Amino acid sequence: MNFHIGLSLLILFQIVVDLILIVAFILVYRRLHLLNPKKLDQLILLLRQNEAMVEGVLSQPPEKGEQKADSVIQMFQQGMDMAEISNTLGISEAEVELIIQKASKGKPQ
């Protein structure tokens, strides 16, 4: 008798799990079906363009000491903030800050 009850509970549990999986598959299918292929193509195009830009930046030789410092100071004087300068030149914000501090200490007041 106990064996039949255990088997019945196991079958009932399996049916519940199967129903949950079926619902999950239906939801995933509907979600994927709603994706707009045009938007995906645009996203892929943007990713390729960004990849080409990154490769172009990486292929350029890095600026050396004085050139980099001059670029940082010039950008800072143009009103760019440290994060923008850091991203543009590919250096850390701490390095940008040090260059600006060093330049401001050396400037006569």
C-alpha atoms as a PDB file:
ATOM      1  CA  MET A   1       0.000   0.000   0.000  1.00  0.00           C
ATOM      2  CA  ASN A   2       2.748   2.477   0.953  1.00  0.00           C
ATOM      3  CA  PHE A   3       4.578   1.600  -2.257  1.00  0.00           C
ATOM      4  CA  HIS A   4       1.561   2.649  -4.353  1.00  0.00           C
ATOM      5  CA  ILE A   5       1.228   5.946  -2.484  1.00  0.00           C
ATOM      6  CA  GLY A   6       4.940   6.684  -2.975  1.00  0.00           C
ATOM      7  CA  LEU A   7       4.719   5.798  -6.643  1.00  0.00           C
ATOM      8  CA  SER A   8       1.618   7.976  -7.075  1.00  0.00           C
ATOM      9  CA  LEU A   9       3.391  10.931  -5.413  1.00  0.00           C
ATOM     10  CA  LEU A  10       6.441  10.414  -7.650  1.00  0.00           C
ATOM     11  CA  ILE A  11       4.279  10.389 -10.780  1.00  0.00           C
ATOM     12  CA  LEU A  12       2.398  13.492  -9.605  1.00  0.00           C
ATOM     13  CA  PHE A  13       5.713  15.256  -8.902  1.00  0.00           C
ATOM     14  CA  GLN A  14       7.003  14.310 -12.362  1.00  0.00           C
ATOM     15  CA  ILE A  15       3.840  15.686 -14.003  1.00  0.00           C
ATOM     16  CA  VAL A  16       4.236  18.994 -12.118  1.00  0.00           C
ATOM     17  CA  VAL A  17       7.903  19.277 -13.133  1.00  0.00           C
ATOM     18  CA  ASP A  18       7.023  18.478 -16.767  1.00  0.00           C
ATOM     19  CA  LEU A  19       4.324  21.162 -16.785  1.00  0.00           C
ATOM     20  CA  ILE A  20       6.739  23.727 -15.352  1.00  0.00           C
ATOM     21  CA  LEU A  21       9.305  22.861 -18.049  1.00  0.00           C
ATOM     22  CA  ILE A  22       6.693  23.099 -20.807  1.00  0.00           C
ATOM     23  CA  VAL A  23       5.626  26.539 -19.576  1.00  0.00           C
ATOM     24  CA  ALA A  24       9.277  27.636 -19.387  1.00  0.00           C
ATOM     25  CA  PHE A  25       9.925  26.493 -22.966  1.00  0.00           C
ATOM     26  CA  ILE A  26       6.820  28.319 -24.187  1.00  0.00           C
ATOM     27  CA  LEU A  27       7.901  31.528 -22.444  1.00  0.00           C
ATOM     28  CA  VAL A  28      11.428  31.326 -23.858  1.00  0.00           C
ATOM     29  CA  TYR A  29      10.064  30.654 -27.348  1.00  0.00           C
ATOM     30  CA  ARG A  30       7.702  33.640 -27.136  1.00  0.00           C
ATOM     31  CA  ARG A  31      10.518  35.860 -25.865  1.00  0.00           C
ATOM     32  CA  LEU A  32      12.815  34.831 -28.721  1.00  0.00           C
ATOM     33  CA  HIS A  33       9.988  35.129 -31.225  1.00  0.00           C
ATOM     34  CA  LEU A  34       9.404  38.762 -30.182  1.00  0.00           C
ATOM     35  CA  LEU A  35      12.988  39.780 -31.045  1.00  0.00           C
ATOM     36  CA  ASN A  36      13.075  42.076 -34.036  1.00  0.00           C
ATOM     37  CA  PRO A  37      15.608  40.856 -36.635  1.00  0.00           C
ATOM     38  CA  LYS A  38      16.170  44.430 -37.866  1.00  0.00           C
ATOM     39  CA  LYS A  39      17.231  45.544 -34.390  1.00  0.00           C
ATOM     40  CA  LEU A  40      19.555  42.570 -34.098  1.00  0.00           C
ATOM     41  CA  ASP A  41      21.137  43.436 -37.453  1.00  0.00           C
ATOM     42  CA  GLN A  42      21.612  47.041 -36.311  1.00  0.00           C
ATOM     43  CA  LEU A  43      23.201  45.835 -33.080  1.00  0.00           C
ATOM     44  CA  ILE A  44      25.586  43.554 -34.968  1.00  0.00           C
ATOM     45  CA  LEU A  45      26.518  46.435 -37.306  1.00  0.00           C
ATOM     46  CA  LEU A  46      27.224  48.733 -34.353  1.00  0.00           C
ATOM     47  CA  LEU A  47      29.362  46.080 -32.690  1.00  0.00           C
ATOM     48  CA  ARG A  48      31.401  45.624 -35.872  1.00  0.00           C
ATOM     49  CA  GLN A  49      31.883  49.385 -36.224  1.00  0.00           C
ATOM     50  CA  ASN A  50      33.033  49.652 -32.607  1.00  0.00           C
ATOM     51  CA  GLU A  51      35.366  46.714 -33.086  1.00  0.00           C
ATOM     52  CA  ALA A  52      36.935  48.458 -36.112  1.00  0.00           C
ATOM     53  CA  MET A  53      37.379  51.668 -34.088  1.00  0.00           C
ATOM     54  CA  VAL A  54      39.047  49.797 -31.234  1.00  0.00           C
ATOM     55  CA  GLU A  55      41.397  48.019 -33.634  1.00  0.00           C
ATOM     56  CA  GLY A  56      42.304  51.400 -35.150  1.00  0.00           C
ATOM     57  CA  VAL A  57      43.101  52.869 -31.751  1.00  0.00           C
ATOM     58  CA  LEU A  58      45.101  49.840 -30.681  1.00  0.00           C
ATOM     59  CA  SER A  59      47.155  49.878 -33.877  1.00  0.00           C
ATOM     60  CA  GLN A  60      48.388  53.424 -33.187  1.00  0.00           C
ATOM     61  CA  PRO A  61      51.637  53.661 -31.250  1.00  0.00           C
ATOM     62  CA  PRO A  62      51.156  54.971 -27.723  1.00  0.00           C
ATOM     63  CA  GLU A  63      52.234  58.525 -27.051  1.00  0.00           C
ATOM     64  CA  LYS A  64      55.467  59.017 -25.170  1.00  0.00           C
ATOM     65  CA  GLY A  65      56.037  61.083 -22.016  1.00  0.00           C
ATOM     66  CA  GLU A  66      56.046  64.741 -23.045  1.00  0.00           C
ATOM     67  CA  GLN A  67      53.614  64.262 -25.941  1.00  0.00           C
ATOM     68  CA  LYS A  68      51.152  62.546 -23.615  1.00  0.00           C
ATOM     69  CA  ALA A  69      51.509  65.250 -20.964  1.00  0.00           C
ATOM     70  CA  ASP A  70      51.029  67.970 -23.575  1.00  0.00           C
ATOM     71  CA  SER A  71      47.911  66.234 -24.868  1.00  0.00           C
ATOM     72  CA  VAL A  72      46.494  65.895 -21.341  1.00  0.00           C
ATOM     73  CA  ILE A  73      47.115  69.570 -20.531  1.00  0.00           C
ATOM     74  CA  GLN A  74      45.681  70.724 -23.849  1.00  0.00           C
ATOM     75  CA  MET A  75      42.517  68.639 -23.405  1.00  0.00           C
ATOM     76  CA  PHE A  76      42.136  69.834 -19.808  1.00  0.00           C
ATOM     77  CA  GLN A  77      42.445  73.463 -20.937  1.00  0.00           C
ATOM     78  CA  GLN A  78      39.763  72.799 -23.556  1.00  0.00           C
ATOM     79  CA  GLY A  79      37.398  71.901 -20.719  1.00  0.00           C
ATOM     80  CA  MET A  80      37.421  68.113 -20.885  1.00  0.00           C
ATOM     81  CA  ASP A  81      37.114  66.350 -17.546  1.00  0.00           C
ATOM     82  CA  MET A  82      39.573  63.723 -16.315  1.00  0.00           C
ATOM     83  CA  ALA A  83      37.390  60.755 -17.285  1.00  0.00           C
ATOM     84  CA  GLU A  84      37.050  62.002 -20.872  1.00  0.00           C
ATOM     85  CA  ILE A  85      40.797  62.607 -21.156  1.00  0.00           C
ATOM     86  CA  SER A  86      41.507  59.192 -19.679  1.00  0.00           C
ATOM     87  CA  ASN A  87      39.197  57.444 -22.152  1.00  0.00           C
ATOM     88  CA  THR A  88      40.473  59.430 -25.131  1.00  0.00           C
ATOM     89  CA  LEU A  89      44.152  58.791 -24.475  1.00  0.00           C
ATOM     90  CA  GLY A  90      43.777  55.300 -23.047  1.00  0.00           C
ATOM     91  CA  ILE A  91      45.458  56.115 -19.736  1.00  0.00           C
ATOM     92  CA  SER A  92      44.213  55.935 -16.174  1.00  0.00           C
ATOM     93  CA  GLU A  93      42.417  58.812 -14.482  1.00  0.00           C
ATOM     94  CA  ALA A  94      45.101  58.777 -11.775  1.00  0.00           C
ATOM     95  CA  GLU A  95      47.781  59.386 -14.407  1.00  0.00           C
ATOM     96  CA  VAL A  96      45.736  62.250 -15.890  1.00  0.00           C
ATOM     97  CA  GLU A  97      45.341  63.763 -12.429  1.00  0.00           C
ATOM     98  CA  LEU A  98      49.082  63.499 -11.722  1.00  0.00           C
ATOM     99  CA  ILE A  99      49.984  65.179 -15.016  1.00  0.00           C
ATOM    100  CA  ILE A 100      47.541  68.036 -14.345  1.00  0.00           C
ATOM    101  CA  GLN A 101      48.814  68.491 -10.768  1.00  0.00           C
ATOM    102  CA  LYS A 102      52.415  68.481 -11.926  1.00  0.00           C
ATOM    103  CA  ALA A 103      51.649  71.047 -14.631  1.00  0.00           C
ATOM    104  CA  SER A 104      49.765  73.320 -12.217  1.00  0.00           C
ATOM    105  CA  LYS A 105      52.648  73.205  -9.660  1.00  0.00           C
ATOM    106  CA  GLY A 106      55.180  74.152 -12.306  1.00  0.00           C
ATOM    107  CA  LYS A 107      53.085  77.088 -13.555  1.00  0.00           C
ATOM    108  CA  PRO A 108      54.039  80.479 -12.057  1.00  0.00           C
ATOM    109  CA  GLN A 109      51.182  82.271 -10.305  1.00  0.00           C
END
